[in-house]
N, C-alpha and C. Protein backbone atom coordinates (compact mmCIF):
# COMPACT_ATOMS: atom_id res chain seq x y z
N MET A 1 356.47 147.19 114.80
CA MET A 1 355.42 148.17 114.56
C MET A 1 355.64 149.34 115.51
N ARG A 2 355.77 150.48 114.98
CA ARG A 2 355.90 151.68 115.79
C ARG A 2 354.97 152.74 115.24
N ALA A 3 353.80 152.80 115.75
CA ALA A 3 352.84 153.84 115.37
C ALA A 3 352.44 154.56 116.65
N ASN A 4 352.81 155.80 116.75
CA ASN A 4 352.51 156.59 117.95
C ASN A 4 353.14 155.98 119.20
N GLY A 5 354.31 155.36 119.06
CA GLY A 5 355.01 154.81 120.21
C GLY A 5 354.57 153.42 120.62
N TRP A 6 353.63 152.82 119.92
CA TRP A 6 353.14 151.49 120.27
C TRP A 6 353.98 150.44 119.56
N THR A 7 354.25 149.38 120.25
CA THR A 7 354.89 148.22 119.64
C THR A 7 353.87 147.09 119.61
N VAL A 8 354.20 146.02 118.93
CA VAL A 8 353.30 144.87 118.88
C VAL A 8 353.04 144.35 120.30
N GLN A 9 354.08 144.33 121.11
CA GLN A 9 353.93 143.82 122.48
C GLN A 9 353.04 144.72 123.33
N THR A 10 353.20 146.05 123.21
CA THR A 10 352.35 146.95 124.01
C THR A 10 350.90 146.87 123.56
N LEU A 11 350.68 146.70 122.26
CA LEU A 11 349.31 146.54 121.77
C LEU A 11 348.71 145.25 122.30
N ARG A 12 349.47 144.17 122.27
CA ARG A 12 349.00 142.89 122.80
C ARG A 12 348.68 143.00 124.28
N ASP A 13 349.58 143.62 125.04
CA ASP A 13 349.36 143.79 126.48
C ASP A 13 348.11 144.61 126.76
N CYS A 14 347.91 145.65 125.96
CA CYS A 14 346.73 146.50 126.13
C CYS A 14 345.45 145.71 125.86
N LEU A 15 345.44 144.94 124.79
CA LEU A 15 344.25 144.16 124.45
C LEU A 15 343.96 143.07 125.48
N LEU A 16 345.00 142.53 126.10
CA LEU A 16 344.79 141.49 127.11
C LEU A 16 344.20 142.04 128.41
N THR A 17 344.28 143.35 128.62
CA THR A 17 343.72 143.93 129.84
C THR A 17 342.22 144.18 129.73
N ILE A 18 341.67 144.05 128.53
CA ILE A 18 340.23 144.28 128.34
C ILE A 18 339.47 143.11 128.95
N PRO A 19 338.56 143.37 129.87
CA PRO A 19 337.82 142.26 130.48
C PRO A 19 336.82 141.64 129.50
N ALA A 20 336.53 140.38 129.70
CA ALA A 20 335.55 139.69 128.87
C ALA A 20 334.17 140.28 129.11
N VAL A 21 333.36 140.29 128.08
CA VAL A 21 332.00 140.82 128.18
C VAL A 21 331.09 139.72 128.71
N GLU A 22 330.30 140.04 129.70
CA GLU A 22 329.34 139.09 130.25
C GLU A 22 327.94 139.58 129.86
N LEU A 23 327.33 138.88 128.92
CA LEU A 23 325.99 139.23 128.47
C LEU A 23 324.96 138.45 129.28
N LYS A 24 323.83 139.08 129.53
CA LYS A 24 322.77 138.42 130.31
C LYS A 24 322.25 137.18 129.60
N GLY A 25 322.15 137.24 128.27
CA GLY A 25 321.65 136.09 127.51
C GLY A 25 322.55 134.88 127.64
N THR A 26 323.86 135.07 127.57
CA THR A 26 324.76 133.93 127.72
C THR A 26 324.74 133.40 129.14
N ALA A 27 324.58 134.30 130.10
CA ALA A 27 324.48 133.85 131.50
C ALA A 27 323.21 133.02 131.71
N LEU A 28 322.10 133.44 131.09
CA LEU A 28 320.85 132.68 131.20
C LEU A 28 321.00 131.30 130.56
N LEU A 29 321.63 131.24 129.39
CA LEU A 29 321.83 129.94 128.74
C LEU A 29 322.74 129.04 129.57
N ARG A 30 323.77 129.62 130.16
CA ARG A 30 324.69 128.84 130.99
C ARG A 30 323.95 128.27 132.21
N GLU A 31 323.03 129.04 132.75
CA GLU A 31 322.28 128.58 133.92
C GLU A 31 321.36 127.41 133.58
N CYS A 32 320.78 127.41 132.39
CA CYS A 32 319.81 126.35 132.08
C CYS A 32 320.45 125.16 131.38
N ARG A 33 321.68 125.26 130.90
CA ARG A 33 322.35 124.13 130.24
C ARG A 33 322.55 122.95 131.18
N PRO A 34 322.98 123.15 132.43
CA PRO A 34 323.16 121.98 133.30
C PRO A 34 321.87 121.20 133.51
N ASN A 35 320.73 121.85 133.35
CA ASN A 35 319.45 121.18 133.55
C ASN A 35 319.02 120.41 132.31
N GLY A 36 319.81 120.45 131.26
CA GLY A 36 319.49 119.71 130.05
C GLY A 36 318.63 120.47 129.07
N GLY A 37 318.18 121.65 129.42
CA GLY A 37 317.35 122.42 128.50
C GLY A 37 318.15 123.40 127.70
N PHE A 38 317.66 123.70 126.49
CA PHE A 38 318.35 124.69 125.67
C PHE A 38 317.72 126.06 125.85
N PHE A 39 316.39 126.10 125.97
CA PHE A 39 315.71 127.36 126.13
C PHE A 39 315.38 127.59 127.60
N PRO A 40 315.66 128.78 128.10
CA PRO A 40 315.36 129.06 129.50
C PRO A 40 313.86 129.01 129.78
N THR A 41 313.50 128.44 130.90
CA THR A 41 312.09 128.41 131.32
C THR A 41 312.00 129.03 132.70
N GLY A 42 310.84 129.58 132.99
CA GLY A 42 310.61 130.16 134.31
C GLY A 42 311.32 131.49 134.52
N ILE A 43 311.71 132.15 133.44
CA ILE A 43 312.39 133.45 133.55
C ILE A 43 311.39 134.52 133.14
N PRO A 44 311.33 135.60 133.90
CA PRO A 44 310.37 136.66 133.56
C PRO A 44 310.58 137.19 132.13
N ARG A 45 309.49 137.50 131.48
CA ARG A 45 309.52 137.97 130.09
C ARG A 45 310.39 139.22 129.94
N GLU A 46 310.33 140.12 130.90
CA GLU A 46 311.12 141.36 130.83
C GLU A 46 312.62 141.05 130.83
N THR A 47 313.01 140.03 131.61
CA THR A 47 314.43 139.64 131.68
C THR A 47 314.88 139.07 130.34
N LEU A 48 314.03 138.24 129.72
CA LEU A 48 314.37 137.67 128.41
C LEU A 48 314.47 138.75 127.34
N ILE A 49 313.54 139.70 127.37
CA ILE A 49 313.57 140.79 126.40
C ILE A 49 314.83 141.62 126.57
N GLU A 50 315.19 141.91 127.81
CA GLU A 50 316.40 142.68 128.08
C GLU A 50 317.65 141.93 127.62
N ALA A 51 317.68 140.62 127.88
CA ALA A 51 318.84 139.81 127.49
C ALA A 51 318.97 139.74 125.97
N MET A 52 317.88 139.53 125.27
CA MET A 52 317.92 139.45 123.81
C MET A 52 318.27 140.80 123.19
N THR A 53 317.75 141.87 123.75
CA THR A 53 318.08 143.21 123.26
C THR A 53 319.57 143.47 123.43
N GLU A 54 320.13 143.03 124.54
CA GLU A 54 321.55 143.21 124.80
C GLU A 54 322.40 142.41 123.80
N ILE A 55 321.99 141.18 123.50
CA ILE A 55 322.73 140.34 122.55
C ILE A 55 322.67 140.94 121.14
N VAL A 56 321.50 141.41 120.73
CA VAL A 56 321.36 142.02 119.40
C VAL A 56 322.22 143.28 119.30
N ALA A 57 322.21 144.11 120.33
CA ALA A 57 323.03 145.33 120.32
C ALA A 57 324.51 145.00 120.30
N TYR A 58 324.93 144.00 121.06
CA TYR A 58 326.34 143.59 121.08
C TYR A 58 326.77 143.05 119.72
N THR A 59 325.89 142.26 119.09
CA THR A 59 326.18 141.72 117.77
C THR A 59 326.35 142.84 116.75
N GLU A 60 325.51 143.84 116.81
CA GLU A 60 325.61 144.97 115.89
C GLU A 60 326.89 145.77 116.13
N ARG A 61 327.23 146.01 117.39
CA ARG A 61 328.49 146.72 117.70
C ARG A 61 329.69 145.93 117.20
N SER A 62 329.65 144.61 117.37
CA SER A 62 330.75 143.77 116.91
C SER A 62 330.86 143.81 115.39
N ARG A 63 329.74 143.80 114.70
CA ARG A 63 329.75 143.88 113.24
C ARG A 63 330.36 145.19 112.77
N ARG A 64 329.93 146.29 113.39
CA ARG A 64 330.47 147.60 113.01
C ARG A 64 331.96 147.69 113.32
N MET A 65 332.39 147.11 114.43
CA MET A 65 333.81 147.13 114.78
C MET A 65 334.61 146.32 113.78
N GLY A 66 334.08 145.19 113.35
CA GLY A 66 334.75 144.39 112.33
C GLY A 66 334.91 145.14 111.02
N GLU A 67 333.86 145.87 110.63
CA GLU A 67 333.95 146.68 109.42
C GLU A 67 335.00 147.78 109.57
N ALA A 68 335.04 148.40 110.73
CA ALA A 68 336.02 149.46 110.97
C ALA A 68 337.44 148.90 110.93
N LEU A 69 337.65 147.73 111.52
CA LEU A 69 338.97 147.11 111.50
C LEU A 69 339.37 146.71 110.08
N ALA A 70 338.40 146.28 109.29
CA ALA A 70 338.70 145.88 107.91
C ALA A 70 339.14 147.07 107.07
N ASN A 71 338.73 148.26 107.45
CA ASN A 71 339.06 149.46 106.69
C ASN A 71 340.30 150.19 107.19
N LEU A 72 340.99 149.64 108.19
CA LEU A 72 342.21 150.27 108.67
C LEU A 72 343.32 150.12 107.64
N ALA A 73 344.18 151.12 107.60
CA ALA A 73 345.33 151.05 106.71
C ALA A 73 346.30 150.00 107.24
N PRO A 74 346.95 149.26 106.35
CA PRO A 74 347.91 148.24 106.81
C PRO A 74 349.12 148.88 107.48
N ILE A 75 349.69 148.13 108.41
CA ILE A 75 350.90 148.58 109.12
C ILE A 75 351.99 147.57 108.82
N HIS A 76 353.13 148.06 108.40
CA HIS A 76 354.25 147.18 108.07
C HIS A 76 354.87 146.63 109.35
N LEU A 77 354.94 145.33 109.44
CA LEU A 77 355.54 144.67 110.59
C LEU A 77 356.90 144.10 110.16
N LEU A 78 357.86 144.98 110.06
CA LEU A 78 359.17 144.59 109.55
C LEU A 78 359.94 143.70 110.52
N THR A 79 359.63 143.80 111.80
CA THR A 79 360.37 143.01 112.78
C THR A 79 359.69 141.68 113.11
N GLN A 80 358.54 141.41 112.51
CA GLN A 80 357.82 140.18 112.81
C GLN A 80 358.03 139.16 111.70
N PRO A 81 358.38 137.93 112.04
CA PRO A 81 358.58 136.91 111.00
C PRO A 81 357.25 136.50 110.38
N VAL A 82 357.27 136.27 109.09
CA VAL A 82 356.10 135.80 108.38
C VAL A 82 356.39 134.35 107.97
N LEU A 83 355.95 133.43 108.78
CA LEU A 83 356.27 132.02 108.57
C LEU A 83 355.57 131.44 107.34
N GLU A 84 354.44 132.00 106.96
CA GLU A 84 353.71 131.50 105.81
C GLU A 84 354.40 131.87 104.50
N TYR A 85 355.35 132.78 104.52
CA TYR A 85 355.99 133.24 103.30
C TYR A 85 356.70 132.10 102.58
N GLY A 86 357.25 131.17 103.33
CA GLY A 86 357.97 130.04 102.75
C GLY A 86 357.08 129.04 102.05
N LEU A 87 355.78 129.10 102.30
CA LEU A 87 354.86 128.16 101.66
C LEU A 87 354.67 128.59 100.27
């Protein structure tokens, strides 16, 4: 793949440098899971609202990004083996 000087390897390397997203909602769930509970208790209402708002916004951004990726023009990968072709 050579589009604007990018190769498959440089694209992979670039994507691997993106840090993982840490959402407040997942952090809250992780904190209360060891205690055996599924729903957080004893957390201020404002914190829960902020965490849920963040999760909803992230989900919407992810959905829009998926739609944008689905609409990209295909790129010919002539140097990459297609192992499924033999099936």
